[in-house]
Protein backbone atom coordinates (compact mmCIF):
# COMPACT_ATOMS: atom_id res chain seq x y z
CA MET A 1 63.56 -16.06 14.76
CA ALA A 2 59.75 -16.39 13.46
CA LEU A 3 57.56 -13.35 13.37
CA ILE A 4 53.90 -13.76 14.95
CA PRO A 5 51.50 -12.81 12.22
CA PRO A 6 49.10 -10.14 13.44
CA PHE A 7 45.59 -11.13 14.93
CA CYS A 8 43.02 -11.53 12.24
CA PRO A 9 39.42 -12.10 13.58
CA PHE A 10 38.71 -13.94 10.10
CA ALA A 11 41.37 -16.39 10.24
CA PRO A 12 39.13 -19.44 11.05
CA PHE A 13 37.10 -18.38 7.71
CA SER A 14 38.63 -19.34 4.16
CA ALA A 15 38.28 -16.91 1.42
CA VAL A 16 35.39 -19.04 -0.06
CA ARG A 17 33.63 -18.88 3.20
CA ILE A 18 33.82 -15.10 3.42
CA ALA A 19 32.73 -14.67 -0.51
CA GLY A 20 29.71 -17.06 0.36
CA LEU A 21 28.81 -14.83 3.19
CA GLN A 22 28.95 -11.46 1.20
CA ALA A 23 26.93 -13.46 -1.65
CA THR A 24 24.33 -14.32 1.09
CA VAL A 25 24.19 -10.53 2.61
CA LEU A 26 23.77 -9.25 -1.03
CA LEU A 27 21.08 -11.71 -1.76
CA LEU A 28 19.21 -11.00 1.48
CA LEU A 29 19.71 -7.09 1.05
CA THR A 30 18.27 -7.46 -2.71
CA LEU A 31 15.23 -9.39 -1.27
CA LEU A 32 14.70 -6.81 1.52
CA ILE A 33 14.82 -4.17 -1.11
CA LYS A 34 12.53 -5.93 -3.56
CA ALA A 35 10.08 -6.48 -0.69
CA LYS A 36 10.11 -2.79 0.61
CA ILE A 37 9.57 -1.52 -2.99
CA ARG A 38 6.52 -4.17 -3.46
CA ILE A 39 5.09 -2.98 -0.17
CA GLN A 40 5.22 0.69 -1.53
CA ALA A 41 3.60 -0.28 -5.13
CA PHE A 42 0.78 -2.22 -3.49
CA SER A 43 0.25 0.52 -0.79
CA ALA A 44 0.03 3.05 -3.74
CA LEU A 45 -2.17 0.56 -5.74
CA GLY A 46 -4.76 0.37 -2.76
CA ILE A 47 -5.04 4.04 -2.08
CA ALA A 48 -5.74 4.60 -5.87
CA LEU A 49 -8.47 1.66 -5.71
CA LEU A 50 -9.75 3.39 -2.36
CA ALA A 51 -10.08 6.72 -4.10
CA LEU A 52 -11.89 5.29 -7.23
CA GLN A 53 -14.26 3.31 -5.27
CA THR A 54 -14.91 6.54 -3.50
CA LEU A 55 -15.36 8.56 -6.61
CA ILE A 56 -17.88 5.70 -7.87
CA GLY A 57 -19.78 5.76 -4.83
CA LEU A 58 -20.24 9.39 -5.03
CA ALA A 59 -21.08 9.26 -8.76
CA VAL A 60 -23.85 6.58 -7.81
CA LEU A 61 -25.16 8.15 -4.53
CA ALA A 62 -25.24 11.89 -6.03
CA PRO A 63 -28.13 11.26 -8.57
CA LEU A 64 -29.99 8.82 -5.93
CA THR A 65 -30.16 11.82 -3.43
CA LEU A 66 -31.36 14.35 -6.04
CA ALA A 67 -34.27 11.92 -6.79
CA ALA A 68 -35.16 11.35 -3.23
CA ILE A 69 -35.26 15.06 -2.67
CA ALA A 70 -37.30 15.45 -5.89
CA ALA A 71 -39.61 12.97 -4.75
CA ALA A 72 -40.06 14.37 -1.34
CA ALA A 73 -40.67 17.71 -2.90
CA TYR A 74 -43.50 16.20 -5.49
CA ALA A 75 -45.05 14.34 -2.30
CA VAL A 76 -45.19 17.77 -0.33
CA ASN A 77 -46.70 19.50 -3.23
CA GLN A 78 -49.52 16.55 -4.02
CA ARG A 79 -50.69 16.65 -0.30
CA PRO A 80 -54.26 17.71 -0.27
CA ARG A 81 -54.87 21.12 1.10
CA ALA A 82 -57.55 21.91 3.80
CA ALA A 83 -60.35 24.09 2.59
CA THR A 84 -60.39 27.31 4.37
């Protein structure tokens, strides 16, 4: 009497196909992790560049602001005074 083998859902697939699917899944997971790492790295780079741009802007604008205040103070002191 022949025994009926247990049901296997992967019966239509050969071992080569299963190995190929495993390799494909591994490749896709590797690419996904690589993309996630790249996104995080460039996000950090963007934040660093934004901070650098802000610091450079402050370094340029601070002396200009002081010069404008000094010019305004000088202009106020140079105004002719009314004779009393």
